[in-house]
PDB file of N, CA and C in Angstrom:
ATOM      1  N   UNK A   1     235.062 -82.197 217.048  1.00  0.00           N
ATOM      2  CA  UNK A   1     236.320 -82.623 217.626  1.00  0.00           C
ATOM      3  C   UNK A   1     237.090 -83.379 216.548  1.00  0.00           C
ATOM      4  N   UNK A   2     238.320 -83.000 216.372  1.00  0.00           N
ATOM      5  CA  UNK A   2     239.177 -83.640 215.377  1.00  0.00           C
ATOM      6  C   UNK A   2     240.083 -84.636 216.110  1.00  0.00           C
ATOM      7  N   UNK A   3     239.959 -85.889 215.776  1.00  0.00           N
ATOM      8  CA  UNK A   3     240.718 -86.929 216.482  1.00  0.00           C
ATOM      9  C   UNK A   3     242.164 -87.060 216.009  1.00  0.00           C
ATOM     10  N   UNK A   4     242.458 -86.595 214.791  1.00  0.00           N
ATOM     11  CA  UNK A   4     243.789 -86.822 214.226  1.00  0.00           C
ATOM     12  C   UNK A   4     244.524 -85.546 213.844  1.00  0.00           C
ATOM     13  N   UNK A   5     243.992 -84.384 214.253  1.00  0.00           N
ATOM     14  CA  UNK A   5     244.667 -83.137 213.918  1.00  0.00           C
ATOM     15  C   UNK A   5     244.295 -82.038 214.905  1.00  0.00           C
ATOM     16  N   UNK A   6     245.262 -81.160 215.144  1.00  0.00           N
ATOM     17  CA  UNK A   6     245.011 -79.961 215.939  1.00  0.00           C
ATOM     18  C   UNK A   6     244.419 -78.910 214.997  1.00  0.00           C
ATOM     19  N   UNK A   7     243.820 -77.875 215.583  1.00  0.00           N
ATOM     20  CA  UNK A   7     243.295 -76.779 214.765  1.00  0.00           C
ATOM     21  C   UNK A   7     243.794 -75.461 215.342  1.00  0.00           C
ATOM     22  N   UNK A   8     244.311 -74.619 214.466  1.00  0.00           N
ATOM     23  CA  UNK A   8     244.871 -73.333 214.851  1.00  0.00           C
ATOM     24  C   UNK A   8     243.988 -72.239 214.263  1.00  0.00           C
ATOM     25  N   UNK A   9     243.507 -71.346 215.114  1.00  0.00           N
ATOM     26  CA  UNK A   9     242.642 -70.248 214.681  1.00  0.00           C
ATOM     27  C   UNK A   9     243.351 -68.908 214.845  1.00  0.00           C
ATOM     28  N   UNK A  10     243.105 -68.018 213.908  1.00  0.00           N
ATOM     29  CA  UNK A  10     243.479 -66.611 214.038  1.00  0.00           C
ATOM     30  C   UNK A  10     242.207 -65.806 213.819  1.00  0.00           C
ATOM     31  N   UNK A  11     241.891 -64.906 214.745  1.00  0.00           N
ATOM     32  CA  UNK A  11     240.692 -64.087 214.629  1.00  0.00           C
ATOM     33  C   UNK A  11     241.039 -62.856 213.789  1.00  0.00           C
ATOM     34  N   UNK A  12     240.542 -62.841 212.565  1.00  0.00           N
ATOM     35  CA  UNK A  12     240.802 -61.741 211.639  1.00  0.00           C
ATOM     36  C   UNK A  12     239.962 -60.528 212.008  1.00  0.00           C
ATOM     37  N   UNK A  13     238.695 -60.774 212.372  1.00  0.00           N
ATOM     38  CA  UNK A  13     237.809 -59.665 212.724  1.00  0.00           C
ATOM     39  C   UNK A  13     236.665 -60.184 213.585  1.00  0.00           C
ATOM     40  N   UNK A  14     236.126 -59.303 214.412  1.00  0.00           N
ATOM     41  CA  UNK A  14     234.975 -59.640 215.227  1.00  0.00           C
ATOM     42  C   UNK A  14     235.362 -60.171 216.597  1.00  0.00           C
ATOM     43  N   UNK A  15     234.356 -60.711 217.280  1.00  0.00           N
ATOM     44  CA  UNK A  15     234.547 -61.238 218.630  1.00  0.00           C
ATOM     45  C   UNK A  15     233.485 -62.281 218.906  1.00  0.00           C
ATOM     46  N   UNK A  16     233.692 -63.038 219.958  1.00  0.00           N
ATOM     47  CA  UNK A  16     232.732 -64.062 220.345  1.00  0.00           C
ATOM     48  C   UNK A  16     233.230 -64.870 221.518  1.00  0.00           C
ATOM     49  N   UNK A  17     232.601 -66.010 221.705  1.00  0.00           N
ATOM     50  CA  UNK A  17     232.931 -66.918 222.793  1.00  0.00           C
ATOM     51  C   UNK A  17     233.347 -68.257 222.208  1.00  0.00           C
ATOM     52  N   UNK A  18     234.433 -68.811 222.723  1.00  0.00           N
ATOM     53  CA  UNK A  18     234.924 -70.131 222.337  1.00  0.00           C
ATOM     54  C   UNK A  18     234.894 -71.021 223.561  1.00  0.00           C
ATOM     55  N   UNK A  19     234.351 -72.228 223.408  1.00  0.00           N
ATOM     56  CA  UNK A  19     234.392 -73.230 224.469  1.00  0.00           C
ATOM     57  C   UNK A  19     235.285 -74.371 223.998  1.00  0.00           C
ATOM     58  N   UNK A  20     236.257 -74.765 224.838  1.00  0.00           N
ATOM     59  CA  UNK A  20     237.150 -75.886 224.529  1.00  0.00           C
ATOM     60  C   UNK A  20     237.147 -76.864 225.689  1.00  0.00           C
ATOM     61  N   UNK A  21     237.386 -78.128 225.379  1.00  0.00           N
ATOM     62  CA  UNK A  21     237.427 -79.154 226.411  1.00  0.00           C
ATOM     63  C   UNK A  21     236.035 -79.672 226.712  1.00  0.00           C
ATOM     64  N   UNK A  22     235.880 -80.290 227.863  1.00  0.00           N
ATOM     65  CA  UNK A  22     234.583 -80.837 228.235  1.00  0.00           C
ATOM     66  C   UNK A  22     234.240 -82.079 227.442  1.00  0.00           C
ATOM     67  N   UNK A  23     232.934 -82.335 227.325  1.00  0.00           N
ATOM     68  CA  UNK A  23     232.448 -83.528 226.640  1.00  0.00           C
ATOM     69  C   UNK A  23     231.353 -83.134 225.655  1.00  0.00           C
ATOM     70  N   UNK A  24     231.403 -83.736 224.455  1.00  0.00           N
ATOM     71  CA  UNK A  24     230.371 -83.477 223.456  1.00  0.00           C
ATOM     72  C   UNK A  24     229.029 -84.025 223.928  1.00  0.00           C
ATOM     73  N   UNK A  25     227.965 -83.255 223.734  1.00  0.00           N
ATOM     74  CA  UNK A  25     226.603 -83.686 224.034  1.00  0.00           C
ATOM     75  C   UNK A  25     225.995 -84.243 222.743  1.00  0.00           C
ATOM     76  N   UNK A  26     225.307 -85.393 222.847  1.00  0.00           N
ATOM     77  CA  UNK A  26     224.721 -86.067 221.672  1.00  0.00           C
ATOM     78  C   UNK A  26     225.781 -86.310 220.600  1.00  0.00           C
ATOM     79  N   UNK A  27     226.908 -86.854 221.029  1.00  0.00           N
ATOM     80  CA  UNK A  27     228.050 -87.097 220.137  1.00  0.00           C
ATOM     81  C   UNK A  27     227.672 -88.022 218.992  1.00  0.00           C
ATOM     82  N   UNK A  28     228.134 -87.663 217.796  1.00  0.00           N
ATOM     83  CA  UNK A  28     227.971 -88.538 216.641  1.00  0.00           C
ATOM     84  C   UNK A  28     229.189 -88.412 215.739  1.00  0.00           C
ATOM     85  N   UNK A  29     229.486 -89.479 215.046  1.00  0.00           N
ATOM     86  CA  UNK A  29     230.637 -89.500 214.145  1.00  0.00           C
ATOM     87  C   UNK A  29     230.236 -88.870 212.819  1.00  0.00           C
ATOM     88  N   UNK A  30     231.040 -87.908 212.352  1.00  0.00           N
ATOM     89  CA  UNK A  30     230.766 -87.265 211.068  1.00  0.00           C
ATOM     90  C   UNK A  30     231.600 -87.866 209.936  1.00  0.00           C
ATOM     91  N   UNK A  31     232.770 -88.409 210.279  1.00  0.00           N
ATOM     92  CA  UNK A  31     233.608 -89.152 209.328  1.00  0.00           C
ATOM     93  C   UNK A  31     234.634 -89.941 210.137  1.00  0.00           C
ATOM     94  N   UNK A  32     235.630 -90.535 209.476  1.00  0.00           N
ATOM     95  CA  UNK A  32     236.564 -91.411 210.191  1.00  0.00           C
ATOM     96  C   UNK A  32     237.501 -90.681 211.148  1.00  0.00           C
ATOM     97  N   UNK A  33     237.520 -89.336 211.134  1.00  0.00           N
ATOM     98  CA  UNK A  33     238.451 -88.600 211.997  1.00  0.00           C
ATOM     99  C   UNK A  33     237.802 -87.476 212.813  1.00  0.00           C
ATOM    100  N   UNK A  34     236.472 -87.341 212.713  1.00  0.00           N
ATOM    101  CA  UNK A  34     235.813 -86.228 213.393  1.00  0.00           C
ATOM    102  C   UNK A  34     234.520 -86.657 214.082  1.00  0.00           C
ATOM    103  N   UNK A  35     234.261 -86.027 215.225  1.00  0.00           N
ATOM    104  CA  UNK A  35     233.019 -86.203 215.963  1.00  0.00           C
ATOM    105  C   UNK A  35     232.370 -84.838 216.114  1.00  0.00           C
ATOM    106  N   UNK A  36     231.045 -84.820 216.180  1.00  0.00           N
ATOM    107  CA  UNK A  36     230.340 -83.561 216.435  1.00  0.00           C
ATOM    108  C   UNK A  36     229.270 -83.811 217.487  1.00  0.00           C
ATOM    109  N   UNK A  37     228.678 -82.741 217.964  1.00  0.00           N
ATOM    110  CA  UNK A  37     227.622 -82.834 218.954  1.00  0.00           C
ATOM    111  C   UNK A  37     226.764 -81.593 218.905  1.00  0.00           C
ATOM    112  N   UNK A  38     225.716 -81.582 219.729  1.00  0.00           N
ATOM    113  CA  UNK A  38     224.823 -80.423 219.753  1.00  0.00           C
ATOM    114  C   UNK A  38     225.370 -79.310 220.621  1.00  0.00           C
ATOM    115  N   UNK A  39     226.262 -79.639 221.563  1.00  0.00           N
ATOM    116  CA  UNK A  39     226.899 -78.648 222.434  1.00  0.00           C
ATOM    117  C   UNK A  39     228.034 -79.337 223.177  1.00  0.00           C
ATOM    118  N   UNK A  40     228.620 -78.612 224.121  1.00  0.00           N
ATOM    119  CA  UNK A  40     229.684 -79.155 224.962  1.00  0.00           C
ATOM    120  C   UNK A  40     229.260 -79.002 226.412  1.00  0.00           C
ATOM    121  N   UNK A  41     229.403 -80.080 227.170  1.00  0.00           N
ATOM    122  CA  UNK A  41     229.146 -80.048 228.608  1.00  0.00           C
ATOM    123  C   UNK A  41     230.475 -79.822 229.319  1.00  0.00           C
ATOM    124  N   UNK A  42     230.513 -78.826 230.182  1.00  0.00           N
ATOM    125  CA  UNK A  42     231.776 -78.493 230.849  1.00  0.00           C
ATOM    126  C   UNK A  42     232.649 -77.707 229.892  1.00  0.00           C
ATOM    127  N   UNK A  43     233.926 -77.841 230.023  1.00  0.00           N
ATOM    128  CA  UNK A  43     234.844 -77.128 229.152  1.00  0.00           C
ATOM    129  C   UNK A  43     235.192 -75.758 229.706  1.00  0.00           C
ATOM    130  N   UNK A  44     236.088 -75.102 229.014  1.00  0.00           N
ATOM    131  CA  UNK A  44     236.565 -73.783 229.405  1.00  0.00           C
ATOM    132  C   UNK A  44     236.044 -72.744 228.415  1.00  0.00           C
ATOM    133  N   UNK A  45     235.462 -71.677 228.923  1.00  0.00           N
ATOM    134  CA  UNK A  45     234.914 -70.612 228.092  1.00  0.00           C
ATOM    135  C   UNK A  45     235.903 -69.460 228.021  1.00  0.00           C
ATOM    136  N   UNK A  46     236.169 -68.996 226.799  1.00  0.00           N
ATOM    137  CA  UNK A  46     237.098 -67.887 226.580  1.00  0.00           C
ATOM    138  C   UNK A  46     236.440 -66.868 225.665  1.00  0.00           C
ATOM    139  N   UNK A  47     236.628 -65.605 225.971  1.00  0.00           N
ATOM    140  CA  UNK A  47     236.209 -64.534 225.071  1.00  0.00           C
ATOM    141  C   UNK A  47     237.338 -64.337 224.062  1.00  0.00           C
ATOM    142  N   UNK A  48     236.987 -64.290 222.795  1.00  0.00           N
ATOM    143  CA  UNK A  48     237.991 -64.090 221.748  1.00  0.00           C
ATOM    144  C   UNK A  48     237.666 -62.817 220.983  1.00  0.00           C
ATOM    145  N   UNK A  49     238.724 -62.216 220.415  1.00  0.00           N
ATOM    146  CA  UNK A  49     238.541 -60.965 219.683  1.00  0.00           C
ATOM    147  C   UNK A  49     239.604 -60.855 218.588  1.00  0.00           C
ATOM    148  N   UNK A  50     239.420 -59.858 217.747  1.00  0.00           N
ATOM    149  CA  UNK A  50     240.340 -59.600 216.648  1.00  0.00           C
ATOM    150  C   UNK A  50     241.788 -59.615 217.142  1.00  0.00           C
ATOM    151  N   UNK A  51     242.641 -60.367 216.429  1.00  0.00           N
ATOM    152  CA  UNK A  51     244.058 -60.441 216.758  1.00  0.00           C
ATOM    153  C   UNK A  51     244.445 -61.640 217.600  1.00  0.00           C
ATOM    154  N   UNK A  52     243.465 -62.373 218.142  1.00  0.00           N
ATOM    155  CA  UNK A  52     243.776 -63.535 218.991  1.00  0.00           C
ATOM    156  C   UNK A  52     244.199 -64.737 218.154  1.00  0.00           C
ATOM    157  N   UNK A  53     245.112 -65.523 218.714  1.00  0.00           N
ATOM    158  CA  UNK A  53     245.521 -66.814 218.169  1.00  0.00           C
ATOM    159  C   UNK A  53     245.062 -67.880 219.146  1.00  0.00           C
ATOM    160  N   UNK A  54     244.507 -68.976 218.650  1.00  0.00           N
ATOM    161  CA  UNK A  54     244.044 -70.066 219.514  1.00  0.00           C
ATOM    162  C   UNK A  54     244.496 -71.380 218.908  1.00  0.00           C
ATOM    163  N   UNK A  55     245.100 -72.240 219.728  1.00  0.00           N
ATOM    164  CA  UNK A  55     245.468 -73.589 219.298  1.00  0.00           C
ATOM    165  C   UNK A  55     244.606 -74.577 220.066  1.00  0.00           C
ATOM    166  N   UNK A  56     243.855 -75.404 219.332  1.00  0.00           N
ATOM    167  CA  UNK A  56     243.031 -76.444 219.941  1.00  0.00           C
ATOM    168  C   UNK A  56     243.694 -77.785 219.605  1.00  0.00           C
ATOM    169  N   UNK A  57     244.235 -78.479 220.610  1.00  0.00           N
ATOM    170  CA  UNK A  57     244.900 -79.758 220.350  1.00  0.00           C
ATOM    171  C   UNK A  57     243.939 -80.810 219.800  1.00  0.00           C
ATOM    172  N   UNK A  58     244.494 -81.806 219.125  1.00  0.00           N
ATOM    173  CA  UNK A  58     243.653 -82.901 218.633  1.00  0.00           C
ATOM    174  C   UNK A  58     242.931 -83.560 219.810  1.00  0.00           C
ATOM    175  N   UNK A  59     241.727 -84.033 219.547  1.00  0.00           N
ATOM    176  CA  UNK A  59     240.955 -84.726 220.570  1.00  0.00           C
ATOM    177  C   UNK A  59     240.237 -83.814 221.555  1.00  0.00           C
ATOM    178  N   UNK A  60     240.293 -82.504 221.349  1.00  0.00           N
ATOM    179  CA  UNK A  60     239.658 -81.555 222.265  1.00  0.00           C
ATOM    180  C   UNK A  60     238.404 -80.976 221.601  1.00  0.00           C
ATOM    181  N   UNK A  61     237.228 -81.188 222.208  1.00  0.00           N
ATOM    182  CA  UNK A  61     236.015 -80.583 221.655  1.00  0.00           C
ATOM    183  C   UNK A  61     236.124 -79.057 221.669  1.00  0.00           C
ATOM    184  N   UNK A  62     235.514 -78.406 220.670  1.00  0.00           N
ATOM    185  CA  UNK A  62     235.524 -76.951 220.617  1.00  0.00           C
ATOM    186  C   UNK A  62     234.349 -76.453 219.788  1.00  0.00           C
ATOM    187  N   UNK A  63     233.813 -75.308 220.189  1.00  0.00           N
ATOM    188  CA  UNK A  63     232.769 -74.664 219.404  1.00  0.00           C
ATOM    189  C   UNK A  63     232.638 -73.201 219.799  1.00  0.00           C
ATOM    190  N   UNK A  64     231.941 -72.453 218.959  1.00  0.00           N
ATOM    191  CA  UNK A  64     231.735 -71.025 219.149  1.00  0.00           C
ATOM    192  C   UNK A  64     230.246 -70.798 219.428  1.00  0.00           C
ATOM    193  N   UNK A  65     229.817 -70.844 220.699  1.00  0.00           N
ATOM    194  CA  UNK A  65     228.385 -70.739 220.995  1.00  0.00           C
ATOM    195  C   UNK A  65     227.822 -69.330 220.855  1.00  0.00           C
ATOM    196  N   UNK A  66     228.687 -68.316 220.881  1.00  0.00           N
ATOM    197  CA  UNK A  66     228.197 -66.937 220.793  1.00  0.00           C
ATOM    198  C   UNK A  66     229.143 -66.125 219.919  1.00  0.00           C
ATOM    199  N   UNK A  67     228.562 -65.412 218.970  1.00  0.00           N
ATOM    200  CA  UNK A  67     229.324 -64.537 218.081  1.00  0.00           C
ATOM    201  C   UNK A  67     228.735 -63.144 218.190  1.00  0.00           C
ATOM    202  N   UNK A  68     229.605 -62.161 218.334  1.00  0.00           N
ATOM    203  CA  UNK A  68     229.170 -60.766 218.423  1.00  0.00           C
ATOM    204  C   UNK A  68     229.304 -60.135 217.041  1.00  0.00           C
ATOM    205  N   UNK A  69     228.188 -59.999 216.347  1.00  0.00           N
ATOM    206  CA  UNK A  69     228.219 -59.491 214.973  1.00  0.00           C
ATOM    207  C   UNK A  69     228.787 -60.548 214.049  1.00  0.00           C
ATOM    208  N   UNK A  70     229.779 -60.171 213.266  1.00  0.00           N
ATOM    209  CA  UNK A  70     230.451 -61.119 212.371  1.00  0.00           C
ATOM    210  C   UNK A  70     231.755 -61.568 213.003  1.00  0.00           C
ATOM    211  N   UNK A  71     232.086 -62.826 212.830  1.00  0.00           N
ATOM    212  CA  UNK A  71     233.352 -63.377 213.309  1.00  0.00           C
ATOM    213  C   UNK A  71     234.071 -63.971 212.113  1.00  0.00           C
ATOM    214  N   UNK A  72     235.223 -63.414 211.772  1.00  0.00           N
ATOM    215  CA  UNK A  72     236.005 -63.896 210.644  1.00  0.00           C
ATOM    216  C   UNK A  72     237.252 -64.573 211.181  1.00  0.00           C
ATOM    217  N   UNK A  73     237.394 -65.858 210.868  1.00  0.00           N
ATOM    218  CA  UNK A  73     238.509 -66.667 211.365  1.00  0.00           C
ATOM    219  C   UNK A  73     239.339 -67.209 210.217  1.00  0.00           C
ATOM    220  N   UNK A  74     240.627 -67.377 210.469  1.00  0.00           N
ATOM    221  CA  UNK A  74     241.469 -68.190 209.614  1.00  0.00           C
ATOM    222  C   UNK A  74     241.714 -69.462 210.413  1.00  0.00           C
ATOM    223  N   UNK A  75     241.497 -70.603 209.784  1.00  0.00           N
ATOM    224  CA  UNK A  75     241.636 -71.878 210.474  1.00  0.00           C
ATOM    225  C   UNK A  75     242.607 -72.769 209.713  1.00  0.00           C
ATOM    226  N   UNK A  76     243.593 -73.284 210.422  1.00  0.00           N
ATOM    227  CA  UNK A  76     244.551 -74.224 209.835  1.00  0.00           C
ATOM    228  C   UNK A  76     244.447 -75.545 210.580  1.00  0.00           C
ATOM    229  N   UNK A  77     244.284 -76.636 209.836  1.00  0.00           N
ATOM    230  CA  UNK A  77     244.285 -77.958 210.450  1.00  0.00           C
ATOM    231  C   UNK A  77     245.700 -78.507 210.377  1.00  0.00           C
ATOM    232  N   UNK A  78     246.184 -78.995 211.511  1.00  0.00           N
ATOM    233  CA  UNK A  78     247.556 -79.462 211.641  1.00  0.00           C
ATOM    234  C   UNK A  78     247.540 -80.967 211.876  1.00  0.00           C
ATOM    235  N   UNK A  79     247.680 -81.772 210.823  1.00  0.00           N
ATOM    236  CA  UNK A  79     247.585 -83.220 210.967  1.00  0.00           C
ATOM    237  C   UNK A  79     248.729 -83.810 211.778  1.00  0.00           C
ATOM    238  N   UNK A  80     248.419 -84.888 212.451  1.00  0.00           N
ATOM    239  CA  UNK A  80     249.415 -85.649 213.191  1.00  0.00           C
ATOM    240  C   UNK A  80     250.435 -86.166 212.178  1.00  0.00           C
ATOM    241  N   UNK A  81     251.710 -86.120 212.530  1.00  0.00           N
ATOM    242  CA  UNK A  81     252.745 -86.531 211.582  1.00  0.00           C
ATOM    243  C   UNK A  81     253.121 -87.995 211.707  1.00  0.00           C
ATOM    244  N   UNK A  82     252.649 -88.657 212.729  1.00  0.00           N
ATOM    245  CA  UNK A  82     252.992 -90.083 212.890  1.00  0.00           C
ATOM    246  C   UNK A  82     251.780 -90.936 212.801  1.00  0.00           C
TER     247      UNK A  82
END
């Protein structure tokens, strides 16, 4: 989870499952702006595939628990401007 920036994904190739929202399980701080966990409790599950665009707002947990074959993503971090 990125506390100070949104993350924008474009699926270049492949498919999988994305979970967003919910609460991090076994949350730990990785640096001054990010938290990680072993999984997400709750949240919304979405199937993603080649050509999809996904915007994950700052402060929203997200992870890819299932990948079908290879998943190639382009990821842009969008820092808060204020």
